[in-house]
Amino acid sequence: VELDQGAAGVEQHAFELRRVGQGRLGHGRSSLADRGASVDRPSTGVAAAGSLARVRVLITGSGGFVGRHLAPLLASAGHEVVARDQELDVTDPAAIERALHEIRPDALVHLAAVSSVTRSQRERDLTFRVNFMGSRSVFEGVSRAAPHARVVFVSSGEVYGVSAPDSPPFDERTPLRPRSPYARSKACADLLAARYAADGLDVVRGRPF
């Protein structure tokens, strides 16, 4: 990712969940948690009109700050949550594909990452391997094993860098100016997600601050 890299042309912002062959099922804020439900039972059916459909959601990096909040929230909304943390190595493409074949998710929230800027300065190779190559494994695995699933990729506001004095607030059109190894790895994965979206994968990118 070069300095002043423009945002990729494919932007998606609605965090909607879909099921195979059913079109859009719901919208708004949703969350998930591991309720210990069996991953072998079939996905739940479409909910009644006007309500959010119940879907099976796989969360990577579920033991982190966001995952610990997201999983219970999604479970409380009635979704079936399959939470995976360090037991699922996102840098192992074969492991990702096996998990996807087993779980058969309707949606995947990809949170697994080296999320510390300070740590990324010390462990640059690990940061690149987990944040970029791990994301690639997830996108590629979904495209092969669960091509109808929606992927929510959690990027970072760090990809925008530091705003200049008196500059307008960041938005999706703001060029990417990542400054740390963490931010650069996230920016690379963010643009890779856009590439997969352009090729037909159902990907939503979020850049939280």
C-alpha atoms as a PDB file:
ATOM      1  CA  VAL A   1       0.000   0.000   0.000  1.00  0.00           C
ATOM      2  CA  GLU A   2       1.604   3.207  -1.132  1.00  0.00           C
ATOM      3  CA  LEU A   3       1.211   6.494   0.674  1.00  0.00           C
ATOM      4  CA  ASP A   4      -1.907   8.338  -0.513  1.00  0.00           C
ATOM      5  CA  GLN A   5      -3.351   5.117  -1.900  1.00  0.00           C
ATOM      6  CA  GLY A   6      -6.920   5.922  -2.832  1.00  0.00           C
ATOM      7  CA  ALA A   7      -9.724   3.851  -1.429  1.00  0.00           C
ATOM      8  CA  ALA A   8     -10.660   0.981  -3.704  1.00  0.00           C
ATOM      9  CA  GLY A   9     -13.703   1.433  -5.882  1.00  0.00           C
ATOM     10  CA  VAL A  10     -15.803  -1.271  -4.227  1.00  0.00           C
ATOM     11  CA  GLU A  11     -17.324   0.012  -1.004  1.00  0.00           C
ATOM     12  CA  GLN A  12     -19.986  -1.768   1.034  1.00  0.00           C
ATOM     13  CA  HIS A  13     -21.436  -0.390   4.225  1.00  0.00           C
ATOM     14  CA  ALA A  14     -24.645  -2.256   5.106  1.00  0.00           C
ATOM     15  CA  PHE A  15     -23.981  -4.945   7.692  1.00  0.00           C
ATOM     16  CA  GLU A  16     -26.700  -7.266   6.395  1.00  0.00           C
ATOM     17  CA  LEU A  17     -26.717 -11.019   6.751  1.00  0.00           C
ATOM     18  CA  ARG A  18     -27.762 -13.272   3.886  1.00  0.00           C
ATOM     19  CA  ARG A  19     -28.628 -16.921   3.454  1.00  0.00           C
ATOM     20  CA  VAL A  20     -28.160 -19.033   0.368  1.00  0.00           C
ATOM     21  CA  GLY A  21     -30.948 -18.455  -2.103  1.00  0.00           C
ATOM     22  CA  GLN A  22     -32.942 -16.220   0.218  1.00  0.00           C
ATOM     23  CA  GLY A  23     -31.716 -12.743  -0.661  1.00  0.00           C
ATOM     24  CA  ARG A  24     -31.343 -10.147   2.065  1.00  0.00           C
ATOM     25  CA  LEU A  25     -32.477 -11.319   5.449  1.00  0.00           C
ATOM     26  CA  GLY A  26     -31.990  -8.385   7.713  1.00  0.00           C
ATOM     27  CA  HIS A  27     -30.049  -5.277   8.444  1.00  0.00           C
ATOM     28  CA  GLY A  28     -28.820  -3.091  11.236  1.00  0.00           C
ATOM     29  CA  ARG A  29     -26.528  -4.013  14.098  1.00  0.00           C
ATOM     30  CA  SER A  30     -26.238  -7.694  14.839  1.00  0.00           C
ATOM     31  CA  SER A  31     -23.912  -9.732  17.028  1.00  0.00           C
ATOM     32  CA  LEU A  32     -23.034 -13.296  17.894  1.00  0.00           C
ATOM     33  CA  ALA A  33     -21.828 -15.533  20.688  1.00  0.00           C
ATOM     34  CA  ASP A  34     -20.922 -19.144  21.176  1.00  0.00           C
ATOM     35  CA  ARG A  35     -23.881 -20.768  22.889  1.00  0.00           C
ATOM     36  CA  GLY A  36     -22.411 -24.221  22.611  1.00  0.00           C
ATOM     37  CA  ALA A  37     -24.826 -25.081  19.815  1.00  0.00           C
ATOM     38  CA  SER A  38     -23.993 -28.017  17.612  1.00  0.00           C
ATOM     39  CA  VAL A  39     -22.468 -26.996  14.299  1.00  0.00           C
ATOM     40  CA  ASP A  40     -23.867 -30.144  12.709  1.00  0.00           C
ATOM     41  CA  ARG A  41     -27.488 -29.167  12.713  1.00  0.00           C
ATOM     42  CA  PRO A  42     -28.785 -27.418   9.591  1.00  0.00           C
ATOM     43  CA  SER A  43     -28.922 -23.659   9.477  1.00  0.00           C
ATOM     44  CA  THR A  44     -32.153 -22.150  10.718  1.00  0.00           C
ATOM     45  CA  GLY A  45     -34.851 -21.102   8.298  1.00  0.00           C
ATOM     46  CA  VAL A  46     -35.896 -17.654   7.200  1.00  0.00           C
ATOM     47  CA  ALA A  47     -37.595 -15.666   9.923  1.00  0.00           C
ATOM     48  CA  ALA A  48     -41.056 -14.210   9.617  1.00  0.00           C
ATOM     49  CA  ALA A  49     -41.470 -11.081   7.534  1.00  0.00           C
ATOM     50  CA  GLY A  50     -40.302  -7.966   9.306  1.00  0.00           C
ATOM     51  CA  SER A  51     -37.911  -9.766  11.653  1.00  0.00           C
ATOM     52  CA  LEU A  52     -34.189 -10.482  11.373  1.00  0.00           C
ATOM     53  CA  ALA A  53     -33.515 -13.957  10.007  1.00  0.00           C
ATOM     54  CA  ARG A  54     -31.605 -16.299  12.289  1.00  0.00           C
ATOM     55  CA  VAL A  55     -28.291 -17.283  10.747  1.00  0.00           C
ATOM     56  CA  ARG A  56     -25.188 -19.240  11.660  1.00  0.00           C
ATOM     57  CA  VAL A  57     -22.208 -16.949  12.163  1.00  0.00           C
ATOM     58  CA  LEU A  58     -18.570 -17.935  12.506  1.00  0.00           C
ATOM     59  CA  ILE A  59     -16.388 -15.457  14.403  1.00  0.00           C
ATOM     60  CA  THR A  60     -12.601 -15.623  14.111  1.00  0.00           C
ATOM     61  CA  GLY A  61     -10.605 -14.022  16.899  1.00  0.00           C
ATOM     62  CA  SER A  62     -13.597 -14.381  19.212  1.00  0.00           C
ATOM     63  CA  GLY A  63     -11.459 -14.077  22.354  1.00  0.00           C
ATOM     64  CA  GLY A  64     -10.509 -10.468  21.668  1.00  0.00           C
ATOM     65  CA  PHE A  65     -12.210  -7.315  22.929  1.00  0.00           C
ATOM     66  CA  VAL A  66     -14.723  -7.032  20.075  1.00  0.00           C
ATOM     67  CA  GLY A  67     -15.405 -10.752  19.868  1.00  0.00           C
ATOM     68  CA  ARG A  68     -16.187 -11.038  23.580  1.00  0.00           C
ATOM     69  CA  HIS A  69     -18.904  -8.408  23.153  1.00  0.00           C
ATOM     70  CA  LEU A  70     -20.106  -9.364  19.689  1.00  0.00           C
ATOM     71  CA  ALA A  71     -20.672 -13.055  20.371  1.00  0.00           C
ATOM     72  CA  PRO A  72     -23.147 -12.626  23.267  1.00  0.00           C
ATOM     73  CA  LEU A  73     -24.958  -9.854  21.428  1.00  0.00           C
ATOM     74  CA  LEU A  74     -25.532 -11.984  18.337  1.00  0.00           C
ATOM     75  CA  ALA A  75     -26.562 -14.970  20.427  1.00  0.00           C
ATOM     76  CA  SER A  76     -29.074 -12.838  22.327  1.00  0.00           C
ATOM     77  CA  ALA A  77     -30.596 -11.874  18.975  1.00  0.00           C
ATOM     78  CA  GLY A  78     -31.209 -15.542  18.275  1.00  0.00           C
ATOM     79  CA  HIS A  79     -28.341 -16.260  15.898  1.00  0.00           C
ATOM     80  CA  GLU A  80     -26.296 -19.434  16.084  1.00  0.00           C
ATOM     81  CA  VAL A  81     -22.753 -18.397  16.904  1.00  0.00           C
ATOM     82  CA  VAL A  82     -19.652 -20.486  16.379  1.00  0.00           C
ATOM     83  CA  ALA A  83     -16.770 -18.742  18.132  1.00  0.00           C
ATOM     84  CA  ARG A  84     -13.178 -19.587  17.256  1.00  0.00           C
ATOM     85  CA  ASP A  85     -10.074 -17.992  18.712  1.00  0.00           C
ATOM     86  CA  GLN A  86      -6.497 -19.258  18.742  1.00  0.00           C
ATOM     87  CA  GLU A  87      -7.585 -22.859  18.177  1.00  0.00           C
ATOM     88  CA  LEU A  88      -8.245 -21.854  14.556  1.00  0.00           C
ATOM     89  CA  ASP A  89      -5.030 -20.703  12.891  1.00  0.00           C
ATOM     90  CA  VAL A  90      -6.114 -18.208  10.252  1.00  0.00           C
ATOM     91  CA  THR A  91      -2.698 -18.395   8.613  1.00  0.00           C
ATOM     92  CA  ASP A  92      -3.319 -22.071   7.787  1.00  0.00           C
ATOM     93  CA  PRO A  93      -5.433 -22.157   4.596  1.00  0.00           C
ATOM     94  CA  ALA A  94      -6.193 -25.878   4.971  1.00  0.00           C
ATOM     95  CA  ALA A  95      -7.423 -25.402   8.546  1.00  0.00           C
ATOM     96  CA  ILE A  96      -9.652 -22.528   7.470  1.00  0.00           C
ATOM     97  CA  GLU A  97     -11.172 -24.528   4.639  1.00  0.00           C
ATOM     98  CA  ARG A  98     -11.787 -27.545   6.888  1.00  0.00           C
ATOM     99  CA  ALA A  99     -13.522 -25.363   9.471  1.00  0.00           C
ATOM    100  CA  LEU A 100     -15.727 -23.778   6.837  1.00  0.00           C
ATOM    101  CA  HIS A 101     -16.746 -27.158   5.427  1.00  0.00           C
ATOM    102  CA  GLU A 102     -17.586 -28.355   8.948  1.00  0.00           C
ATOM    103  CA  ILE A 103     -19.413 -25.267  10.207  1.00  0.00           C
ATOM    104  CA  ARG A 104     -21.121 -24.182   6.977  1.00  0.00           C
ATOM    105  CA  PRO A 105     -21.638 -20.585   8.131  1.00  0.00           C
ATOM    106  CA  ASP A 106     -24.107 -18.154   6.619  1.00  0.00           C
ATOM    107  CA  ALA A 107     -21.822 -15.306   7.670  1.00  0.00           C
ATOM    108  CA  LEU A 108     -18.288 -14.890   8.957  1.00  0.00           C
ATOM    109  CA  VAL A 109     -16.972 -12.019  11.054  1.00  0.00           C
ATOM    110  CA  HIS A 110     -13.202 -11.885  10.673  1.00  0.00           C
ATOM    111  CA  LEU A 111     -11.697 -10.361  13.815  1.00  0.00           C
ATOM    112  CA  ALA A 112      -8.520 -12.424  14.208  1.00  0.00           C
ATOM    113  CA  ALA A 113      -5.536 -10.074  14.073  1.00  0.00           C
ATOM    114  CA  VAL A 114      -2.443  -8.714  15.730  1.00  0.00           C
ATOM    115  CA  SER A 115      -4.216  -5.594  16.938  1.00  0.00           C
ATOM    116  CA  SER A 116      -1.519  -3.742  18.887  1.00  0.00           C
ATOM    117  CA  VAL A 117       0.378  -0.990  17.073  1.00  0.00           C
ATOM    118  CA  THR A 118       3.200  -1.309  19.596  1.00  0.00           C
ATOM    119  CA  ARG A 119       3.452  -5.047  19.127  1.00  0.00           C
ATOM    120  CA  SER A 120       3.398  -4.617  15.349  1.00  0.00           C
ATOM    121  CA  GLN A 121       6.554  -2.510  15.607  1.00  0.00           C
ATOM    122  CA  ARG A 122       8.315  -5.362  17.413  1.00  0.00           C
ATOM    123  CA  GLU A 123       6.863  -8.252  15.429  1.00  0.00           C
ATOM    124  CA  ARG A 124       6.442  -7.038  11.887  1.00  0.00           C
ATOM    125  CA  ASP A 125       6.604 -10.437  10.222  1.00  0.00           C
ATOM    126  CA  LEU A 126       3.973 -11.895  12.543  1.00  0.00           C
ATOM    127  CA  THR A 127       1.736  -8.873  12.010  1.00  0.00           C
ATOM    128  CA  PHE A 128       1.917  -9.236   8.233  1.00  0.00           C
ATOM    129  CA  ARG A 129       1.407 -12.991   8.399  1.00  0.00           C
ATOM    130  CA  VAL A 130      -1.680 -12.830  10.632  1.00  0.00           C
ATOM    131  CA  ASN A 131      -3.295  -9.618   9.436  1.00  0.00           C
ATOM    132  CA  PHE A 132      -2.704  -9.901   5.704  1.00  0.00           C
ATOM    133  CA  MET A 133      -1.972 -13.540   4.925  1.00  0.00           C
ATOM    134  CA  GLY A 134      -4.528 -14.686   7.502  1.00  0.00           C
ATOM    135  CA  SER A 135      -7.168 -12.494   5.898  1.00  0.00           C
ATOM    136  CA  ARG A 136      -6.245 -13.876   2.498  1.00  0.00           C
ATOM    137  CA  SER A 137      -6.698 -17.414   3.856  1.00  0.00           C
ATOM    138  CA  VAL A 138     -10.152 -16.467   5.130  1.00  0.00           C
ATOM    139  CA  PHE A 139     -11.278 -14.802   1.886  1.00  0.00           C
ATOM    140  CA  GLU A 140      -9.937 -17.638  -0.242  1.00  0.00           C
ATOM    141  CA  GLY A 141     -11.397 -20.274   2.063  1.00  0.00           C
ATOM    142  CA  VAL A 142     -14.845 -18.703   1.979  1.00  0.00           C
ATOM    143  CA  SER A 143     -14.715 -18.382  -1.803  1.00  0.00           C
ATOM    144  CA  ARG A 144     -14.010 -22.112  -2.049  1.00  0.00           C
ATOM    145  CA  ALA A 145     -15.935 -23.673   0.838  1.00  0.00           C
ATOM    146  CA  ALA A 146     -18.746 -21.212   1.625  1.00  0.00           C
ATOM    147  CA  PRO A 147     -19.125 -18.982  -1.437  1.00  0.00           C
ATOM    148  CA  HIS A 148     -22.605 -17.765  -0.493  1.00  0.00           C
ATOM    149  CA  ALA A 149     -21.609 -16.624   3.000  1.00  0.00           C
ATOM    150  CA  ARG A 150     -21.253 -12.951   3.818  1.00  0.00           C
ATOM    151  CA  VAL A 151     -17.847 -11.940   5.181  1.00  0.00           C
ATOM    152  CA  VAL A 152     -17.583  -8.984   7.529  1.00  0.00           C
ATOM    153  CA  PHE A 153     -13.954  -7.878   7.478  1.00  0.00           C
ATOM    154  CA  VAL A 154     -13.008  -5.614  10.360  1.00  0.00           C
ATOM    155  CA  SER A 155     -10.298  -3.279   9.134  1.00  0.00           C
ATOM    156  CA  SER A 156      -9.217  -0.218  11.147  1.00  0.00           C
ATOM    157  CA  GLY A 157      -9.420   3.559  11.113  1.00  0.00           C
ATOM    158  CA  GLU A 158      -5.631   3.414  11.404  1.00  0.00           C
ATOM    159  CA  VAL A 159      -5.485   2.873   7.639  1.00  0.00           C
ATOM    160  CA  TYR A 160      -6.194   6.601   7.161  1.00  0.00           C
ATOM    161  CA  GLY A 161      -3.165   7.728   9.148  1.00  0.00           C
ATOM    162  CA  VAL A 162      -3.138  11.109  10.882  1.00  0.00           C
ATOM    163  CA  SER A 163      -5.437  13.875   9.719  1.00  0.00           C
ATOM    164  CA  ALA A 164      -3.975  17.261   8.851  1.00  0.00           C
ATOM    165  CA  PRO A 165      -5.020  20.294  10.902  1.00  0.00           C
ATOM    166  CA  ASP A 166      -8.403  21.682   9.855  1.00  0.00           C
ATOM    167  CA  SER A 167      -8.952  18.777   7.458  1.00  0.00           C
ATOM    168  CA  PRO A 168     -12.468  17.345   7.063  1.00  0.00           C
ATOM    169  CA  PRO A 169     -13.396  14.141   8.886  1.00  0.00           C
ATOM    170  CA  PHE A 170     -12.303  10.886   7.297  1.00  0.00           C
ATOM    171  CA  ASP A 171     -14.763   9.117   5.047  1.00  0.00           C
ATOM    172  CA  GLU A 172     -14.594   6.227   2.586  1.00  0.00           C
ATOM    173  CA  ARG A 173     -13.144   8.493  -0.119  1.00  0.00           C
ATOM    174  CA  THR A 174     -10.182   9.541   2.024  1.00  0.00           C
ATOM    175  CA  PRO A 175      -6.855   8.204   0.674  1.00  0.00           C
ATOM    176  CA  LEU A 176      -5.204   5.532   2.787  1.00  0.00           C
ATOM    177  CA  ARG A 177      -2.028   6.697   4.533  1.00  0.00           C
ATOM    178  CA  PRO A 178      -1.085   3.899   6.955  1.00  0.00           C
ATOM    179  CA  ARG A 179       1.836   4.784   9.219  1.00  0.00           C
ATOM    180  CA  SER A 180       2.554   1.687  11.311  1.00  0.00           C
ATOM    181  CA  PRO A 181       3.137  -1.986  10.443  1.00  0.00           C
ATOM    182  CA  TYR A 182      -0.279  -2.692  11.945  1.00  0.00           C
ATOM    183  CA  ALA A 183      -1.989  -0.050   9.822  1.00  0.00           C
ATOM    184  CA  ARG A 184      -0.179  -1.128   6.665  1.00  0.00           C
ATOM    185  CA  SER A 185      -1.125  -4.780   7.183  1.00  0.00           C
ATOM    186  CA  LYS A 186      -4.757  -3.765   7.713  1.00  0.00           C
ATOM    187  CA  ALA A 187      -4.738  -1.484   4.671  1.00  0.00           C
ATOM    188  CA  CYS A 188      -3.360  -4.295   2.512  1.00  0.00           C
ATOM    189  CA  ALA A 189      -6.020  -6.702   3.776  1.00  0.00           C
ATOM    190  CA  ASP A 190      -8.704  -4.048   3.306  1.00  0.00           C
ATOM    191  CA  LEU A 191      -7.779  -3.581  -0.350  1.00  0.00           C
ATOM    192  CA  LEU A 192      -7.554  -7.338  -0.801  1.00  0.00           C
ATOM    193  CA  ALA A 193     -11.101  -7.621   0.548  1.00  0.00           C
ATOM    194  CA  ALA A 194     -12.177  -5.127  -2.105  1.00  0.00           C
ATOM    195  CA  ARG A 195     -10.545  -7.286  -4.754  1.00  0.00           C
ATOM    196  CA  TYR A 196     -12.463 -10.354  -3.606  1.00  0.00           C
ATOM    197  CA  ALA A 197     -15.665  -8.302  -3.511  1.00  0.00           C
ATOM    198  CA  ALA A 198     -15.058  -7.171  -7.085  1.00  0.00           C
ATOM    199  CA  ASP A 199     -14.670 -10.834  -8.031  1.00  0.00           C
ATOM    200  CA  GLY A 200     -18.076 -11.660  -6.538  1.00  0.00           C
ATOM    201  CA  LEU A 201     -17.456 -12.579  -2.893  1.00  0.00           C
ATOM    202  CA  ASP A 202     -19.975 -11.015  -0.501  1.00  0.00           C
ATOM    203  CA  VAL A 203     -17.634  -8.866   1.581  1.00  0.00           C
ATOM    204  CA  VAL A 204     -18.421  -5.958   3.891  1.00  0.00           C
ATOM    205  CA  ARG A 205     -15.516  -3.840   5.137  1.00  0.00           C
ATOM    206  CA  GLY A 206     -15.676  -1.829   8.341  1.00  0.00           C
ATOM    207  CA  ARG A 207     -13.015   0.656   9.503  1.00  0.00           C
ATOM    208  CA  PRO A 208     -13.671   1.252  13.203  1.00  0.00           C
ATOM    209  CA  PHE A 209     -11.821   3.911  15.137  1.00  0.00           C
END
